[in-house]
N, C-alpha and C. Protein backbone atom coordinates (compact mmCIF):
# COMPACT_ATOMS: atom_id res chain seq x y z
N MET A 1 2.00 -2.46 17.20
CA MET A 1 2.55 -3.50 16.35
C MET A 1 1.67 -4.75 16.24
N ASN A 2 0.53 -4.66 16.92
CA ASN A 2 -0.46 -5.86 16.92
C ASN A 2 -1.49 -5.54 15.99
N HIS A 3 -1.43 -6.05 14.79
CA HIS A 3 -2.46 -5.97 13.76
C HIS A 3 -3.65 -7.02 14.07
N PRO A 4 -4.77 -6.62 14.00
CA PRO A 4 -5.87 -7.49 14.51
C PRO A 4 -6.04 -8.77 13.78
N THR A 5 -5.53 -8.88 12.45
CA THR A 5 -5.74 -10.09 11.75
C THR A 5 -4.50 -10.69 11.01
N TRP A 6 -3.43 -9.90 11.04
CA TRP A 6 -2.28 -10.40 10.32
C TRP A 6 -1.09 -10.30 11.19
N ASN A 7 -0.02 -11.22 10.85
CA ASN A 7 1.28 -11.11 11.50
C ASN A 7 2.20 -10.90 10.34
N MET A 8 2.62 -9.52 10.08
CA MET A 8 3.25 -9.15 8.84
C MET A 8 4.60 -8.51 9.07
N GLY A 9 5.01 -8.39 10.22
CA GLY A 9 6.41 -7.69 10.52
C GLY A 9 6.19 -6.30 10.65
N GLY A 10 7.22 -5.60 11.03
CA GLY A 10 7.12 -4.12 11.36
C GLY A 10 6.73 -3.30 10.30
N LYS A 11 7.40 -3.37 9.05
CA LYS A 11 7.25 -2.41 7.95
C LYS A 11 5.78 -2.54 7.42
N ILE A 12 5.47 -3.74 7.11
CA ILE A 12 4.02 -3.92 6.54
C ILE A 12 2.98 -3.57 7.56
N THR A 13 3.07 -3.72 8.88
CA THR A 13 2.11 -3.41 9.91
C THR A 13 2.00 -1.95 9.91
N ILE A 14 3.18 -1.21 9.83
CA ILE A 14 2.93 0.16 9.98
C ILE A 14 2.34 0.69 8.63
N ASP A 15 2.88 0.12 7.53
CA ASP A 15 2.09 0.72 6.23
C ASP A 15 0.58 0.31 6.31
N SER A 16 0.14 -0.79 7.03
CA SER A 16 -1.24 -0.97 7.09
C SER A 16 -1.90 0.16 7.94
N ALA A 17 -1.27 0.34 9.02
CA ALA A 17 -1.75 1.37 9.90
C ALA A 17 -1.84 2.84 9.39
N THR A 18 -0.98 3.16 8.45
CA THR A 18 -1.02 4.39 7.74
C THR A 18 -1.83 4.33 6.57
N LEU A 19 -2.21 3.10 6.11
CA LEU A 19 -2.82 2.84 4.87
C LEU A 19 -2.04 3.14 3.73
N MET A 20 -0.61 3.17 3.86
CA MET A 20 0.19 3.29 2.70
C MET A 20 0.21 2.02 2.00
N ASN A 21 -0.02 0.97 2.53
CA ASN A 21 -0.06 -0.35 1.91
C ASN A 21 -1.16 -0.24 0.83
N LYS A 22 -2.26 0.26 1.09
CA LYS A 22 -3.44 0.51 0.22
C LYS A 22 -3.06 1.44 -0.86
N GLY A 23 -2.38 2.46 -0.62
CA GLY A 23 -1.98 3.51 -1.50
C GLY A 23 -0.99 2.82 -2.62
N LEU A 24 -0.10 1.98 -2.06
CA LEU A 24 0.86 1.25 -2.99
C LEU A 24 0.06 0.23 -3.76
N GLU A 25 -0.95 -0.44 -3.21
CA GLU A 25 -1.76 -1.33 -3.97
C GLU A 25 -2.63 -0.53 -5.03
N MET A 26 -3.09 0.59 -4.87
CA MET A 26 -3.72 1.31 -5.72
C MET A 26 -2.91 1.62 -6.96
N ILE A 27 -1.68 1.93 -6.77
CA ILE A 27 -0.56 2.19 -7.95
C ILE A 27 -0.46 0.86 -8.62
N GLU A 28 -0.26 -0.15 -7.91
CA GLU A 28 0.01 -1.47 -8.52
C GLU A 28 -1.26 -1.85 -9.31
N ALA A 29 -2.48 -1.70 -8.74
CA ALA A 29 -3.71 -2.14 -9.53
C ALA A 29 -3.76 -1.32 -10.90
N LYS A 30 -3.51 -0.07 -10.70
CA LYS A 30 -3.44 0.76 -12.04
C LYS A 30 -2.61 0.11 -13.07
N TRP A 31 -1.34 -0.24 -12.75
CA TRP A 31 -0.43 -0.72 -13.84
C TRP A 31 -0.75 -2.19 -14.16
N LEU A 32 -1.18 -2.96 -13.19
CA LEU A 32 -1.34 -4.30 -13.54
C LEU A 32 -2.62 -4.66 -14.38
N PHE A 33 -3.68 -3.78 -14.06
CA PHE A 33 -4.95 -3.95 -14.84
C PHE A 33 -5.14 -2.98 -15.86
N GLY A 34 -4.23 -2.01 -16.00
CA GLY A 34 -4.43 -0.96 -17.10
C GLY A 34 -5.61 -0.02 -16.94
N VAL A 35 -5.84 0.36 -15.69
CA VAL A 35 -6.93 1.19 -15.43
C VAL A 35 -6.49 2.60 -14.99
N GLU A 36 -7.34 3.57 -14.91
CA GLU A 36 -6.95 4.83 -14.39
C GLU A 36 -7.05 4.83 -12.80
N MET A 37 -6.38 5.71 -12.27
CA MET A 37 -6.39 5.65 -10.67
C MET A 37 -7.76 5.97 -10.27
N GLU A 38 -8.62 6.74 -11.03
CA GLU A 38 -9.98 7.06 -10.54
C GLU A 38 -10.99 5.98 -10.59
N GLN A 39 -10.47 4.90 -11.26
CA GLN A 39 -11.27 3.59 -11.19
C GLN A 39 -10.92 2.62 -9.92
N VAL A 40 -9.82 2.96 -9.26
CA VAL A 40 -9.49 2.09 -8.11
C VAL A 40 -9.82 2.80 -6.76
N ARG A 41 -10.54 2.02 -6.11
CA ARG A 41 -11.04 2.34 -4.72
C ARG A 41 -10.51 1.63 -3.62
N VAL A 42 -10.32 2.16 -2.54
CA VAL A 42 -9.90 1.62 -1.22
C VAL A 42 -11.12 1.52 -0.41
N VAL A 43 -11.41 0.11 0.08
CA VAL A 43 -12.32 -0.05 1.10
C VAL A 43 -11.76 -0.74 2.25
N VAL A 44 -12.19 -0.10 3.34
CA VAL A 44 -11.60 -0.76 4.64
C VAL A 44 -12.37 -1.87 5.03
N HIS A 45 -11.85 -3.02 5.23
CA HIS A 45 -12.63 -4.32 5.61
C HIS A 45 -11.75 -4.95 6.80
N PRO A 46 -12.10 -4.60 8.05
CA PRO A 46 -11.47 -5.03 9.16
C PRO A 46 -11.23 -6.35 9.34
N GLN A 47 -12.10 -7.34 8.88
CA GLN A 47 -12.08 -8.76 8.95
C GLN A 47 -10.91 -9.39 8.05
N SER A 48 -10.38 -8.71 7.05
CA SER A 48 -9.52 -9.18 6.17
C SER A 48 -9.84 -10.50 5.47
N VAL A 49 -11.15 -10.70 5.16
CA VAL A 49 -11.52 -11.96 4.49
C VAL A 49 -11.48 -11.74 2.92
N ILE A 50 -11.90 -10.55 2.51
CA ILE A 50 -12.05 -10.29 1.06
C ILE A 50 -10.70 -9.61 0.63
N HIS A 51 -9.98 -10.34 -0.23
CA HIS A 51 -8.67 -9.82 -0.56
C HIS A 51 -8.76 -8.75 -1.61
N SER A 52 -9.66 -8.93 -2.63
CA SER A 52 -9.81 -8.01 -3.66
C SER A 52 -11.39 -8.13 -4.20
N MET A 53 -11.72 -7.08 -4.82
CA MET A 53 -13.04 -7.13 -5.49
C MET A 53 -12.89 -6.38 -6.84
N VAL A 54 -13.51 -6.84 -7.79
CA VAL A 54 -13.57 -6.20 -9.21
C VAL A 54 -15.06 -5.76 -9.57
N LYS A 55 -15.33 -4.62 -9.85
CA LYS A 55 -16.63 -4.27 -10.38
C LYS A 55 -16.72 -4.17 -11.83
N PHE A 56 -17.56 -4.94 -12.43
CA PHE A 56 -17.77 -5.00 -13.96
C PHE A 56 -18.68 -4.01 -14.42
N THR A 57 -18.67 -3.67 -15.74
CA THR A 57 -19.48 -2.59 -16.39
C THR A 57 -20.97 -2.83 -15.99
N ASP A 58 -21.30 -4.05 -15.80
CA ASP A 58 -22.83 -4.18 -15.57
C ASP A 58 -23.09 -4.07 -14.14
N GLY A 59 -22.20 -3.76 -13.35
CA GLY A 59 -22.38 -3.54 -11.81
C GLY A 59 -22.18 -4.64 -11.07
N SER A 60 -21.97 -5.88 -11.48
CA SER A 60 -21.67 -7.08 -10.77
C SER A 60 -20.26 -6.90 -10.10
N VAL A 61 -20.03 -7.54 -9.12
CA VAL A 61 -18.88 -7.64 -8.22
C VAL A 61 -18.34 -9.10 -8.14
N LEU A 62 -17.20 -9.16 -8.44
CA LEU A 62 -16.53 -10.50 -8.02
C LEU A 62 -15.44 -10.33 -6.95
N GLY A 63 -15.36 -11.21 -5.97
CA GLY A 63 -14.35 -10.92 -4.98
C GLY A 63 -13.53 -12.33 -4.75
N GLN A 64 -12.36 -12.10 -4.23
CA GLN A 64 -11.46 -13.13 -3.75
C GLN A 64 -11.62 -13.23 -2.23
N LEU A 65 -12.11 -14.33 -1.83
CA LEU A 65 -12.40 -14.40 -0.42
C LEU A 65 -11.57 -15.61 0.09
N GLY A 66 -11.14 -15.35 1.45
CA GLY A 66 -10.40 -16.47 2.07
C GLY A 66 -10.03 -16.10 3.39
N TRP A 67 -9.36 -16.97 4.14
CA TRP A 67 -9.03 -16.70 5.57
C TRP A 67 -7.88 -15.47 5.43
N PRO A 68 -7.66 -14.83 6.62
CA PRO A 68 -6.64 -13.70 6.60
C PRO A 68 -5.16 -14.38 6.39
N ASN A 69 -4.87 -14.59 5.10
CA ASN A 69 -3.57 -15.34 4.92
C ASN A 69 -3.35 -14.96 3.41
N MET A 70 -2.28 -14.41 3.15
CA MET A 70 -2.01 -14.10 1.77
C MET A 70 -1.42 -15.13 0.91
N ARG A 71 -1.25 -16.39 1.34
CA ARG A 71 -0.71 -17.61 0.63
C ARG A 71 -1.64 -17.86 -0.44
N LEU A 72 -2.96 -18.05 -0.19
CA LEU A 72 -3.77 -18.34 -1.48
C LEU A 72 -3.76 -17.27 -2.56
N PRO A 73 -3.90 -16.02 -2.17
CA PRO A 73 -3.92 -15.04 -3.34
C PRO A 73 -2.42 -15.17 -4.02
N ILE A 74 -1.45 -15.30 -3.36
CA ILE A 74 -0.10 -15.53 -3.95
C ILE A 74 -0.06 -16.78 -4.81
N ILE A 75 -0.67 -17.83 -4.34
CA ILE A 75 -0.65 -19.06 -5.18
C ILE A 75 -1.36 -18.87 -6.41
N TYR A 76 -2.44 -18.14 -6.34
CA TYR A 76 -3.36 -17.89 -7.42
C TYR A 76 -2.56 -16.95 -8.52
N ALA A 77 -1.95 -15.91 -7.88
CA ALA A 77 -1.24 -14.91 -8.83
C ALA A 77 -0.16 -15.79 -9.48
N LEU A 78 0.46 -16.62 -8.90
CA LEU A 78 1.80 -17.32 -9.45
C LEU A 78 1.35 -18.40 -10.45
N THR A 79 0.23 -18.97 -10.43
CA THR A 79 -0.17 -20.15 -11.18
C THR A 79 -1.34 -19.74 -12.17
N TYR A 80 -1.77 -18.57 -12.11
CA TYR A 80 -2.88 -18.05 -13.00
C TYR A 80 -2.57 -18.49 -14.46
N PRO A 81 -3.33 -18.91 -15.24
CA PRO A 81 -4.80 -19.26 -15.19
C PRO A 81 -5.08 -20.54 -14.50
N GLU A 82 -4.14 -21.37 -14.14
CA GLU A 82 -4.41 -22.72 -13.61
C GLU A 82 -4.79 -22.55 -12.10
N ARG A 83 -5.50 -23.48 -11.61
CA ARG A 83 -5.87 -23.61 -10.16
C ARG A 83 -5.31 -25.05 -9.66
N HIS A 84 -4.48 -24.82 -8.50
CA HIS A 84 -3.65 -25.99 -7.93
C HIS A 84 -4.25 -26.27 -6.57
N SER A 85 -4.27 -27.36 -6.19
CA SER A 85 -4.72 -27.88 -4.94
C SER A 85 -3.66 -27.39 -3.93
N ASN A 86 -3.88 -27.28 -2.63
CA ASN A 86 -2.83 -26.85 -1.68
C ASN A 86 -3.29 -27.38 -0.32
N ASP A 87 -2.57 -27.28 0.56
CA ASP A 87 -2.80 -27.71 2.00
C ASP A 87 -3.38 -26.58 2.95
N LEU A 88 -3.86 -25.58 2.31
CA LEU A 88 -4.39 -24.44 3.18
C LEU A 88 -5.73 -24.74 3.62
N LYS A 89 -6.24 -24.30 4.76
CA LYS A 89 -7.58 -24.49 5.23
C LYS A 89 -8.53 -23.83 4.39
N ASN A 90 -9.52 -24.54 3.90
CA ASN A 90 -10.54 -24.02 3.01
C ASN A 90 -11.43 -22.97 3.83
N TRP A 91 -11.75 -21.96 3.19
CA TRP A 91 -12.53 -20.92 3.77
C TRP A 91 -14.09 -21.33 3.71
N ASP A 92 -14.63 -21.07 4.76
CA ASP A 92 -16.17 -21.38 5.09
C ASP A 92 -16.80 -20.35 5.55
N PRO A 93 -17.77 -19.82 4.65
CA PRO A 93 -18.57 -18.50 4.99
C PRO A 93 -19.33 -18.77 6.35
N THR A 94 -19.75 -19.90 6.69
CA THR A 94 -20.45 -20.09 7.87
C THR A 94 -19.49 -19.97 9.16
N ASP A 95 -18.26 -20.12 9.05
CA ASP A 95 -17.27 -19.95 10.12
C ASP A 95 -16.67 -18.48 10.18
N THR A 96 -17.28 -17.59 9.31
CA THR A 96 -16.61 -16.17 9.18
C THR A 96 -17.36 -15.28 10.12
N PRO A 97 -16.85 -14.34 10.60
CA PRO A 97 -17.59 -13.39 11.37
C PRO A 97 -18.38 -12.24 10.31
N HIS A 98 -19.20 -11.67 10.71
CA HIS A 98 -19.95 -10.52 9.92
C HIS A 98 -18.70 -9.76 9.14
N LEU A 99 -19.13 -9.52 7.93
CA LEU A 99 -18.20 -8.81 7.10
C LEU A 99 -18.61 -7.30 7.07
N THR A 100 -17.68 -6.40 7.34
CA THR A 100 -18.10 -4.98 7.38
C THR A 100 -17.07 -4.25 6.38
N PHE A 101 -17.57 -3.10 5.92
CA PHE A 101 -16.89 -2.31 5.04
C PHE A 101 -16.95 -0.75 5.36
N GLU A 102 -15.96 -0.06 5.23
CA GLU A 102 -16.00 1.42 5.60
C GLU A 102 -15.19 2.10 4.54
N LYS A 103 -15.56 3.39 4.26
CA LYS A 103 -14.75 4.33 3.35
C LYS A 103 -13.62 4.77 4.22
N PRO A 104 -12.39 4.72 3.71
CA PRO A 104 -11.30 5.32 4.38
C PRO A 104 -11.49 6.82 4.69
N ASP A 105 -10.97 7.22 5.92
CA ASP A 105 -10.87 8.65 6.20
C ASP A 105 -9.65 9.25 5.66
N GLU A 106 -9.82 9.80 4.54
CA GLU A 106 -8.50 10.32 3.94
C GLU A 106 -7.85 11.59 4.55
N GLU A 107 -8.68 12.23 5.52
CA GLU A 107 -7.94 13.16 6.22
C GLU A 107 -7.18 12.69 7.28
N THR A 108 -7.50 11.46 7.91
CA THR A 108 -6.80 11.08 8.94
C THR A 108 -5.71 10.01 8.42
N PHE A 109 -5.86 9.69 7.19
CA PHE A 109 -5.03 8.73 6.39
C PHE A 109 -4.53 9.47 5.21
N PRO A 110 -3.56 10.37 5.28
CA PRO A 110 -3.28 11.09 4.03
C PRO A 110 -2.26 10.32 3.04
N SER A 111 -1.83 9.07 3.49
CA SER A 111 -1.20 8.32 2.59
C SER A 111 -1.86 7.94 1.15
N LEU A 112 -3.09 7.79 1.39
CA LEU A 112 -3.91 7.53 0.04
C LEU A 112 -3.88 8.58 -0.85
N SER A 113 -3.85 9.80 -0.34
CA SER A 113 -3.82 11.04 -1.21
C SER A 113 -2.47 11.17 -1.76
N LEU A 114 -1.40 10.87 -1.05
CA LEU A 114 -0.14 10.84 -1.52
C LEU A 114 0.20 10.04 -2.56
N ALA A 115 -0.33 8.69 -2.42
CA ALA A 115 -0.27 7.72 -3.52
C ALA A 115 -0.99 8.30 -4.81
N ARG A 116 -2.09 8.80 -4.63
CA ARG A 116 -2.93 9.18 -5.98
C ARG A 116 -2.02 10.39 -6.53
N GLU A 117 -1.40 11.22 -5.68
CA GLU A 117 -0.63 12.35 -6.24
C GLU A 117 0.63 11.79 -6.91
N ALA A 118 1.29 10.84 -6.45
CA ALA A 118 2.50 10.14 -6.86
C ALA A 118 2.03 9.55 -8.33
N SER A 119 0.99 8.81 -8.32
CA SER A 119 0.53 8.30 -9.37
C SER A 119 0.15 9.41 -10.57
N ARG A 120 -0.50 10.42 -10.18
CA ARG A 120 -0.88 11.54 -11.12
C ARG A 120 0.35 12.07 -11.74
N VAL A 121 1.34 12.35 -11.00
CA VAL A 121 2.53 13.08 -11.41
C VAL A 121 3.31 12.09 -12.27
N GLY A 122 3.34 10.86 -11.79
CA GLY A 122 4.01 9.79 -12.50
C GLY A 122 5.51 9.97 -12.66
N GLY A 123 6.11 9.33 -13.71
CA GLY A 123 7.51 9.26 -13.87
C GLY A 123 8.16 8.61 -12.50
N THR A 124 9.10 9.41 -11.97
CA THR A 124 9.96 8.91 -10.84
C THR A 124 9.14 9.23 -9.49
N MET A 125 8.01 9.92 -9.51
CA MET A 125 7.32 10.26 -8.31
C MET A 125 7.04 9.01 -7.43
N PRO A 126 6.37 8.08 -8.02
CA PRO A 126 6.01 6.75 -7.09
C PRO A 126 7.30 6.22 -6.48
N ALA A 127 8.37 6.22 -7.17
CA ALA A 127 9.61 5.59 -6.64
C ALA A 127 10.01 6.43 -5.47
N THR A 128 9.95 7.78 -5.43
CA THR A 128 10.33 8.68 -4.47
C THR A 128 9.40 8.57 -3.23
N MET A 129 8.03 8.39 -3.56
CA MET A 129 7.08 8.21 -2.44
C MET A 129 7.51 6.88 -1.77
N ASN A 130 7.71 5.78 -2.49
CA ASN A 130 7.94 4.54 -1.92
C ASN A 130 9.22 4.59 -1.04
N ALA A 131 10.31 5.16 -1.53
CA ALA A 131 11.58 5.11 -0.83
C ALA A 131 11.49 6.25 0.38
N ALA A 132 10.77 7.24 0.28
CA ALA A 132 10.60 8.07 1.43
C ALA A 132 9.79 7.45 2.53
N ASN A 133 8.79 6.64 2.11
CA ASN A 133 8.01 5.98 3.04
C ASN A 133 8.75 4.84 3.67
N GLU A 134 9.50 4.01 2.97
CA GLU A 134 10.38 2.97 3.62
C GLU A 134 11.38 3.49 4.56
N GLU A 135 11.92 4.70 4.22
CA GLU A 135 13.07 5.28 5.01
C GLU A 135 12.45 5.83 6.37
N THR A 136 11.18 6.43 6.29
CA THR A 136 10.51 7.06 7.38
C THR A 136 10.02 5.99 8.41
N VAL A 137 9.38 4.92 7.80
CA VAL A 137 8.91 3.84 8.62
C VAL A 137 10.08 3.17 9.34
N ALA A 138 11.14 3.05 8.67
CA ALA A 138 12.37 2.42 9.41
C ALA A 138 12.76 3.34 10.64
N ALA A 139 12.77 4.73 10.26
CA ALA A 139 13.09 5.65 11.39
C ALA A 139 12.16 5.54 12.43
N PHE A 140 10.76 5.45 12.16
CA PHE A 140 9.85 5.20 13.24
C PHE A 140 10.13 3.95 14.00
N LEU A 141 10.42 2.86 13.49
CA LEU A 141 10.52 1.60 14.06
C LEU A 141 11.78 1.67 14.98
N ARG A 142 12.77 2.43 14.70
CA ARG A 142 13.94 2.74 15.46
C ARG A 142 13.66 3.82 16.49
N GLY A 143 12.57 4.43 16.56
CA GLY A 143 12.15 5.37 17.54
C GLY A 143 12.77 6.76 17.17
N LYS A 144 13.14 7.00 15.88
CA LYS A 144 13.73 8.26 15.50
C LYS A 144 12.69 9.27 14.93
N CYS A 145 11.40 8.80 14.85
CA CYS A 145 10.37 9.89 14.56
C CYS A 145 9.06 9.30 14.94
N GLY A 146 8.03 10.28 15.11
CA GLY A 146 6.68 9.71 15.50
C GLY A 146 5.79 9.14 14.45
N PHE A 147 4.89 8.44 14.85
CA PHE A 147 4.07 7.75 13.93
C PHE A 147 3.23 8.75 12.98
N LEU A 148 2.77 9.82 13.60
CA LEU A 148 2.02 10.80 12.79
C LEU A 148 2.85 11.60 11.91
N ASP A 149 4.16 11.60 12.07
CA ASP A 149 5.16 12.19 11.19
C ASP A 149 5.35 11.53 9.85
N ILE A 150 4.99 10.29 9.78
CA ILE A 150 5.45 9.42 8.71
C ILE A 150 4.83 10.09 7.32
N PRO A 151 3.45 10.37 7.25
CA PRO A 151 3.12 10.92 6.00
C PRO A 151 3.47 12.27 5.70
N THR A 152 3.75 13.04 6.69
CA THR A 152 4.21 14.48 6.71
C THR A 152 5.80 14.53 5.97
N VAL A 153 6.61 13.51 6.47
CA VAL A 153 7.84 13.40 5.92
C VAL A 153 7.88 12.94 4.44
N VAL A 154 7.01 11.95 4.35
CA VAL A 154 6.88 11.47 2.90
C VAL A 154 6.43 12.52 1.86
N GLU A 155 5.46 13.39 2.32
CA GLU A 155 4.83 14.42 1.47
C GLU A 155 6.04 15.53 1.19
N LYS A 156 6.88 15.70 2.39
CA LYS A 156 7.85 16.67 2.14
C LYS A 156 8.94 16.15 1.17
N ALA A 157 9.37 14.97 1.11
CA ALA A 157 10.25 14.34 0.16
C ALA A 157 9.68 14.38 -1.23
N MET A 158 8.40 14.22 -1.45
CA MET A 158 7.64 14.19 -2.69
C MET A 158 7.75 15.70 -3.14
N SER A 159 7.44 16.70 -2.28
CA SER A 159 7.32 18.05 -2.77
C SER A 159 8.76 18.66 -3.20
N GLU A 160 9.80 18.04 -2.73
CA GLU A 160 11.17 18.37 -3.16
C GLU A 160 11.69 17.68 -4.29
N HIS A 161 10.95 16.74 -4.77
CA HIS A 161 11.23 15.89 -5.88
C HIS A 161 10.74 16.48 -7.27
N SER A 162 11.62 16.65 -8.22
CA SER A 162 11.12 16.93 -9.69
C SER A 162 11.08 15.68 -10.41
N ALA A 163 9.88 15.23 -10.85
CA ALA A 163 9.81 13.98 -11.37
C ALA A 163 10.29 13.90 -12.79
N THR A 164 11.07 12.90 -13.26
CA THR A 164 11.58 12.71 -14.71
C THR A 164 11.04 11.50 -15.10
N ALA A 165 11.26 11.21 -16.44
CA ALA A 165 10.80 9.98 -17.17
C ALA A 165 11.38 8.73 -16.30
N PRO A 166 10.53 7.68 -16.30
CA PRO A 166 11.06 6.50 -15.45
C PRO A 166 11.88 5.66 -16.30
N THR A 167 13.08 5.74 -16.01
CA THR A 167 14.09 4.70 -16.60
C THR A 167 14.77 4.01 -15.39
N LEU A 168 15.44 2.89 -15.51
CA LEU A 168 16.08 2.30 -14.54
C LEU A 168 17.00 3.21 -13.68
N HIS A 169 17.78 3.95 -14.39
CA HIS A 169 18.71 4.87 -13.72
C HIS A 169 18.07 5.99 -13.01
N SER A 170 16.96 6.55 -13.57
CA SER A 170 16.32 7.60 -12.98
C SER A 170 15.53 7.19 -11.67
N ILE A 171 15.05 5.94 -11.93
CA ILE A 171 14.22 5.44 -10.54
C ILE A 171 15.19 5.05 -9.51
N LEU A 172 16.29 4.59 -9.91
CA LEU A 172 17.37 4.37 -8.83
C LEU A 172 17.85 5.58 -8.14
N ASP A 173 18.02 6.75 -9.02
CA ASP A 173 18.53 7.89 -8.48
C ASP A 173 17.39 8.55 -7.64
N ALA A 174 16.14 8.52 -7.94
CA ALA A 174 15.13 9.04 -7.30
C ALA A 174 14.88 8.31 -5.90
N ASP A 175 15.09 7.00 -5.88
CA ASP A 175 15.02 6.29 -4.65
C ASP A 175 16.14 6.58 -3.73
N ARG A 176 17.30 6.80 -4.24
CA ARG A 176 18.47 7.04 -3.44
C ARG A 176 18.30 8.58 -2.83
N GLU A 177 18.02 9.54 -3.62
CA GLU A 177 17.72 10.86 -3.23
C GLU A 177 16.61 11.10 -2.26
N ALA A 178 15.63 10.24 -2.41
CA ALA A 178 14.52 10.44 -1.40
C ALA A 178 15.07 9.88 -0.07
N ARG A 179 15.74 8.87 -0.12
CA ARG A 179 16.31 8.29 1.17
C ARG A 179 17.21 9.38 1.83
N ILE A 180 18.13 9.99 1.00
CA ILE A 180 18.97 10.95 1.67
C ILE A 180 18.15 12.12 2.17
N ARG A 181 17.09 12.59 1.40
CA ARG A 181 16.16 13.84 1.90
C ARG A 181 15.59 13.37 3.21
N VAL A 182 14.99 12.25 3.36
CA VAL A 182 14.37 11.88 4.58
C VAL A 182 15.42 11.86 5.77
N ARG A 183 16.35 11.24 5.56
CA ARG A 183 17.43 11.07 6.60
C ARG A 183 17.89 12.58 7.03
N GLU A 184 17.96 13.35 6.13
CA GLU A 184 18.45 14.79 6.38
C GLU A 184 17.32 15.52 7.17
N SER A 185 16.06 15.33 6.63
CA SER A 185 15.02 15.98 7.28
C SER A 185 14.73 15.42 8.61
N LEU A 186 14.84 14.28 8.94
CA LEU A 186 14.76 13.59 10.36
C LEU A 186 15.89 14.06 11.21
N GLY A 187 17.05 14.05 10.65
CA GLY A 187 18.11 14.58 11.32
C GLY A 187 18.01 16.03 11.82
N ILE A 188 17.57 16.93 10.93
CA ILE A 188 17.39 18.37 11.17
C ILE A 188 16.33 18.66 12.15
N HIS A 189 15.12 18.04 11.94
CA HIS A 189 13.86 18.31 12.66
C HIS A 189 13.81 17.36 14.02
N SER A 190 14.48 16.26 13.98
CA SER A 190 14.43 15.29 15.14
C SER A 190 13.01 15.01 15.46
N CYS A 191 12.29 14.49 14.55
CA CYS A 191 10.82 14.09 14.63
C CYS A 191 10.67 13.47 15.98
């Protein structure tokens, strides 16, 4: 439960460890920026200084850099296109450790593939994936299943779901059904 750069609470810490947080962010980026999932990449950056990067058609890359703290990106998101002063410590590149980047190991971290599949299927599948993940992580935090079981249980819930068109009603139903499936699965198999 000790993330090297963030203090995020149990759920988000576990999502960070499984890379499900990045899977959810890929789906979010697809919808927020109107891009195809194939255009969204995950890069592992252990120092947590670069919060996002965008590559333009000419190959140039712009990034949002700052101390490992989500307050500045949230302020920016809430006040865009304006820029507001704040009391946060200013980022200084000379005080920053070396920045490193790695490709994620998708065999070790299957949550990224699950998120891509949920996005590909569309409809209510992303809601099912999210609910199954929330329920499984909660079970893990209560000692009811193992860490390595999390993506397996999520994948099982997704495989048992027949996606339908996303309406408020169908999304709420998919969420509820996924949570029931996960609870039943964990109770039967005692992960």
